[in-house]
Amino acid sequence: MSKSFTGPIVAAVVIALAFVLNPSPEKHRAKIKEVIAERSQLERVFGIGQLTSFASRYHSFGVGSYTTVNDKVTSLGAFGLVFVTD
C-alpha cells in the first residue's frame, strides 16, 4: 500500500471509531452522578447528581457529544469517554 493512501485510511478509521464510540446519554448521566457524588457527601445525600443528570439535555454531533443544564455545558464525551465540566 502506498503512503499516499495510509493517511486517508487512518483518518477514516479514526472517524469511524469516533462515531461508534460516541457516549450515549446514559453514559453522560451516569458520569455526572458519579462525579457529583465524589465531590461532596452532602450533595450525594440530597441527590444533587441525580437531579442534575435528570435535567441534562443530550446533544450529539456524531463523533462527539455533550450535555447541557440551563444552557451551560455539563459534560463532554468522545471515543467512549465522558468528562464532567465544572
N, C-alpha and C. Protein backbone atom coordinates (compact mmCIF):
# COMPACT_ATOMS: atom_id res chain seq x y z
N MET A 1 0.86 -1.18 0.00
CA MET A 1 0.00 0.00 0.00
C MET A 1 0.90 1.23 0.00
N SER A 2 0.58 2.18 -0.83
CA SER A 2 1.43 3.36 -0.92
C SER A 2 1.15 4.30 0.24
N LYS A 3 2.12 5.14 0.51
CA LYS A 3 1.99 6.07 1.63
C LYS A 3 0.89 7.10 1.40
N SER A 4 0.55 7.36 0.16
CA SER A 4 -0.48 8.35 -0.11
C SER A 4 -1.87 7.88 0.33
N PHE A 5 -2.07 6.57 0.47
CA PHE A 5 -3.35 6.03 0.92
C PHE A 5 -3.40 5.83 2.43
N THR A 6 -2.27 5.77 3.08
CA THR A 6 -2.22 5.49 4.51
C THR A 6 -2.91 6.57 5.34
N GLY A 7 -2.62 7.82 5.06
CA GLY A 7 -3.22 8.93 5.83
C GLY A 7 -4.73 8.95 5.77
N PRO A 8 -5.31 8.92 4.57
CA PRO A 8 -6.78 8.92 4.49
C PRO A 8 -7.43 7.68 5.12
N ILE A 9 -6.77 6.54 5.02
CA ILE A 9 -7.32 5.32 5.62
C ILE A 9 -7.32 5.44 7.13
N VAL A 10 -6.22 5.93 7.70
CA VAL A 10 -6.14 6.11 9.15
C VAL A 10 -7.19 7.12 9.61
N ALA A 11 -7.33 8.21 8.88
CA ALA A 11 -8.34 9.22 9.23
C ALA A 11 -9.75 8.63 9.18
N ALA A 12 -10.03 7.82 8.16
CA ALA A 12 -11.35 7.20 8.04
C ALA A 12 -11.61 6.24 9.20
N VAL A 13 -10.59 5.49 9.62
CA VAL A 13 -10.75 4.56 10.74
C VAL A 13 -11.00 5.34 12.04
N VAL A 14 -10.26 6.41 12.26
CA VAL A 14 -10.44 7.22 13.47
C VAL A 14 -11.84 7.83 13.51
N ILE A 15 -12.31 8.35 12.40
CA ILE A 15 -13.65 8.93 12.34
C ILE A 15 -14.72 7.87 12.57
N ALA A 16 -14.54 6.68 11.98
CA ALA A 16 -15.49 5.59 12.19
C ALA A 16 -15.53 5.18 13.66
N LEU A 17 -14.35 5.09 14.29
CA LEU A 17 -14.30 4.76 15.72
C LEU A 17 -14.99 5.82 16.56
N ALA A 18 -14.81 7.08 16.21
CA ALA A 18 -15.45 8.16 16.95
C ALA A 18 -16.98 8.04 16.88
N PHE A 19 -17.51 7.70 15.71
CA PHE A 19 -18.95 7.51 15.58
C PHE A 19 -19.43 6.34 16.43
N VAL A 20 -18.71 5.23 16.37
CA VAL A 20 -19.12 4.01 17.08
C VAL A 20 -19.00 4.19 18.59
N LEU A 21 -17.96 4.89 19.05
CA LEU A 21 -17.70 5.02 20.48
C LEU A 21 -18.30 6.27 21.11
N ASN A 22 -19.09 7.03 20.37
CA ASN A 22 -19.71 8.23 20.91
C ASN A 22 -20.56 7.86 22.14
N PRO A 23 -20.28 8.46 23.31
CA PRO A 23 -21.01 8.09 24.53
C PRO A 23 -22.52 8.37 24.42
N SER A 24 -23.29 7.47 24.98
CA SER A 24 -24.76 7.59 24.98
C SER A 24 -25.20 8.57 26.06
N PRO A 25 -26.46 8.98 26.02
CA PRO A 25 -26.99 9.86 27.09
C PRO A 25 -26.86 9.20 28.47
N GLU A 26 -27.05 7.89 28.51
CA GLU A 26 -26.95 7.19 29.80
C GLU A 26 -25.54 7.26 30.37
N LYS A 27 -24.52 7.16 29.51
CA LYS A 27 -23.14 7.26 29.99
C LYS A 27 -22.86 8.66 30.53
N HIS A 28 -23.37 9.68 29.85
CA HIS A 28 -23.19 11.04 30.34
C HIS A 28 -23.85 11.20 31.70
N ARG A 29 -25.08 10.75 31.83
CA ARG A 29 -25.82 10.91 33.09
C ARG A 29 -25.17 10.14 34.23
N ALA A 30 -24.69 8.93 33.95
CA ALA A 30 -24.02 8.14 34.99
C ALA A 30 -22.74 8.83 35.46
N LYS A 31 -22.00 9.39 34.54
CA LYS A 31 -20.75 10.07 34.91
C LYS A 31 -21.04 11.34 35.71
N ILE A 32 -22.09 12.08 35.35
CA ILE A 32 -22.46 13.27 36.11
C ILE A 32 -22.80 12.90 37.54
N LYS A 33 -23.62 11.86 37.72
CA LYS A 33 -23.98 11.40 39.07
C LYS A 33 -22.74 11.01 39.86
N GLU A 34 -21.85 10.25 39.22
CA GLU A 34 -20.63 9.77 39.88
C GLU A 34 -19.74 10.93 40.33
N VAL A 35 -19.51 11.89 39.47
CA VAL A 35 -18.61 13.00 39.79
C VAL A 35 -19.19 13.87 40.90
N ILE A 36 -20.48 14.15 40.84
CA ILE A 36 -21.10 14.98 41.87
C ILE A 36 -21.10 14.26 43.21
N ALA A 37 -21.32 12.96 43.21
CA ALA A 37 -21.29 12.19 44.46
C ALA A 37 -19.89 12.16 45.06
N GLU A 38 -18.87 12.11 44.21
CA GLU A 38 -17.49 12.12 44.70
C GLU A 38 -17.11 13.49 45.26
N ARG A 39 -17.68 14.53 44.69
CA ARG A 39 -17.33 15.90 45.06
C ARG A 39 -17.77 16.23 46.48
N SER A 40 -18.96 15.78 46.86
CA SER A 40 -19.50 16.17 48.16
C SER A 40 -20.46 15.11 48.69
N GLN A 41 -20.25 14.73 49.94
CA GLN A 41 -21.16 13.78 50.59
C GLN A 41 -22.55 14.38 50.74
N LEU A 42 -22.60 15.66 51.02
CA LEU A 42 -23.89 16.33 51.21
C LEU A 42 -24.68 16.34 49.90
N GLU A 43 -24.00 16.60 48.79
CA GLU A 43 -24.68 16.57 47.50
C GLU A 43 -25.16 15.17 47.17
N ARG A 44 -24.40 14.15 47.59
CA ARG A 44 -24.82 12.78 47.35
C ARG A 44 -26.07 12.46 48.17
N VAL A 45 -26.10 12.88 49.44
CA VAL A 45 -27.25 12.61 50.30
C VAL A 45 -28.52 13.25 49.75
N PHE A 46 -28.40 14.48 49.26
CA PHE A 46 -29.56 15.19 48.73
C PHE A 46 -29.87 14.82 47.29
N GLY A 47 -29.06 13.99 46.68
CA GLY A 47 -29.33 13.53 45.32
C GLY A 47 -29.14 14.59 44.25
N ILE A 48 -28.21 15.50 44.47
CA ILE A 48 -27.98 16.58 43.52
C ILE A 48 -27.50 16.01 42.18
N GLY A 49 -26.68 14.98 42.21
CA GLY A 49 -26.22 14.36 40.97
C GLY A 49 -27.36 13.77 40.17
N GLN A 50 -28.28 13.14 40.86
CA GLN A 50 -29.46 12.56 40.21
C GLN A 50 -30.30 13.65 39.56
N LEU A 51 -30.51 14.74 40.28
CA LEU A 51 -31.31 15.85 39.74
C LEU A 51 -30.62 16.51 38.55
N THR A 52 -29.32 16.71 38.67
CA THR A 52 -28.57 17.34 37.59
C THR A 52 -28.58 16.47 36.35
N SER A 53 -28.35 15.17 36.53
CA SER A 53 -28.33 14.28 35.37
C SER A 53 -29.72 14.17 34.74
N PHE A 54 -30.76 14.22 35.56
CA PHE A 54 -32.13 14.16 35.04
C PHE A 54 -32.45 15.42 34.22
N ALA A 55 -31.96 16.55 34.66
CA ALA A 55 -32.25 17.82 34.00
C ALA A 55 -31.36 18.06 32.77
N SER A 56 -30.35 17.24 32.60
CA SER A 56 -29.42 17.48 31.49
C SER A 56 -30.05 17.12 30.15
N ARG A 57 -29.64 17.87 29.13
CA ARG A 57 -30.10 17.64 27.75
C ARG A 57 -28.90 17.15 26.95
N TYR A 58 -29.09 16.03 26.26
CA TYR A 58 -28.03 15.39 25.48
C TYR A 58 -27.99 15.96 24.07
N HIS A 59 -26.79 16.26 23.60
CA HIS A 59 -26.57 16.76 22.25
C HIS A 59 -25.45 15.94 21.62
N SER A 60 -25.68 15.45 20.41
CA SER A 60 -24.66 14.66 19.71
C SER A 60 -24.37 15.30 18.37
N PHE A 61 -23.09 15.31 18.01
CA PHE A 61 -22.72 15.75 16.68
C PHE A 61 -21.96 14.65 15.95
N GLY A 62 -22.35 13.41 16.22
CA GLY A 62 -21.81 12.25 15.53
C GLY A 62 -20.53 11.70 16.13
N VAL A 63 -19.46 12.47 16.06
CA VAL A 63 -18.17 12.00 16.56
C VAL A 63 -17.95 12.36 18.02
N GLY A 64 -18.82 13.13 18.59
CA GLY A 64 -18.74 13.54 19.99
C GLY A 64 -20.11 13.94 20.48
N SER A 65 -20.19 14.20 21.78
CA SER A 65 -21.47 14.59 22.36
C SER A 65 -21.23 15.43 23.60
N TYR A 66 -22.29 16.09 24.03
CA TYR A 66 -22.21 16.88 25.25
C TYR A 66 -23.60 16.99 25.86
N THR A 67 -23.66 17.35 27.13
CA THR A 67 -24.93 17.60 27.80
C THR A 67 -24.92 19.02 28.33
N THR A 68 -26.11 19.59 28.44
CA THR A 68 -26.25 20.93 29.00
C THR A 68 -27.32 20.93 30.08
N VAL A 69 -27.16 21.84 31.02
CA VAL A 69 -28.17 22.13 32.04
C VAL A 69 -28.27 23.65 32.08
N ASN A 70 -29.45 24.17 31.82
CA ASN A 70 -29.67 25.62 31.76
C ASN A 70 -28.70 26.30 30.80
N ASP A 71 -28.52 25.72 29.64
CA ASP A 71 -27.65 26.24 28.58
C ASP A 71 -26.18 26.29 28.96
N LYS A 72 -25.78 25.58 30.01
CA LYS A 72 -24.37 25.51 30.41
C LYS A 72 -23.90 24.07 30.14
N VAL A 73 -22.76 23.93 29.49
CA VAL A 73 -22.23 22.60 29.19
C VAL A 73 -21.86 21.91 30.49
N THR A 74 -22.41 20.71 30.68
CA THR A 74 -22.19 19.94 31.90
C THR A 74 -21.19 18.82 31.69
N SER A 75 -21.23 18.17 30.52
CA SER A 75 -20.29 17.09 30.24
C SER A 75 -19.97 17.06 28.75
N LEU A 76 -18.77 16.56 28.47
CA LEU A 76 -18.30 16.39 27.10
C LEU A 76 -17.91 14.94 26.91
N GLY A 77 -18.18 14.37 25.74
CA GLY A 77 -17.85 12.97 25.52
C GLY A 77 -17.35 12.71 24.12
N ALA A 78 -16.39 11.78 24.02
CA ALA A 78 -15.88 11.34 22.73
C ALA A 78 -15.09 10.06 22.95
N PHE A 79 -15.08 9.19 21.95
CA PHE A 79 -14.32 7.93 21.99
C PHE A 79 -14.64 7.11 23.24
N GLY A 80 -15.89 7.13 23.69
CA GLY A 80 -16.30 6.33 24.83
C GLY A 80 -16.00 6.94 26.18
N LEU A 81 -15.39 8.11 26.21
CA LEU A 81 -15.04 8.78 27.47
C LEU A 81 -15.96 9.96 27.69
N VAL A 82 -16.27 10.22 28.96
CA VAL A 82 -17.10 11.36 29.33
C VAL A 82 -16.37 12.16 30.39
N PHE A 83 -16.31 13.47 30.20
CA PHE A 83 -15.67 14.37 31.14
C PHE A 83 -16.70 15.38 31.62
N VAL A 84 -16.83 15.51 32.92
CA VAL A 84 -17.77 16.46 33.51
C VAL A 84 -17.06 17.79 33.72
N THR A 85 -17.68 18.85 33.23
CA THR A 85 -17.11 20.18 33.40
C THR A 85 -17.59 20.77 34.71
N ASP A 86 -16.94 21.79 35.15
CA ASP A 86 -17.33 22.40 36.43
C ASP A 86 -17.93 23.74 36.24
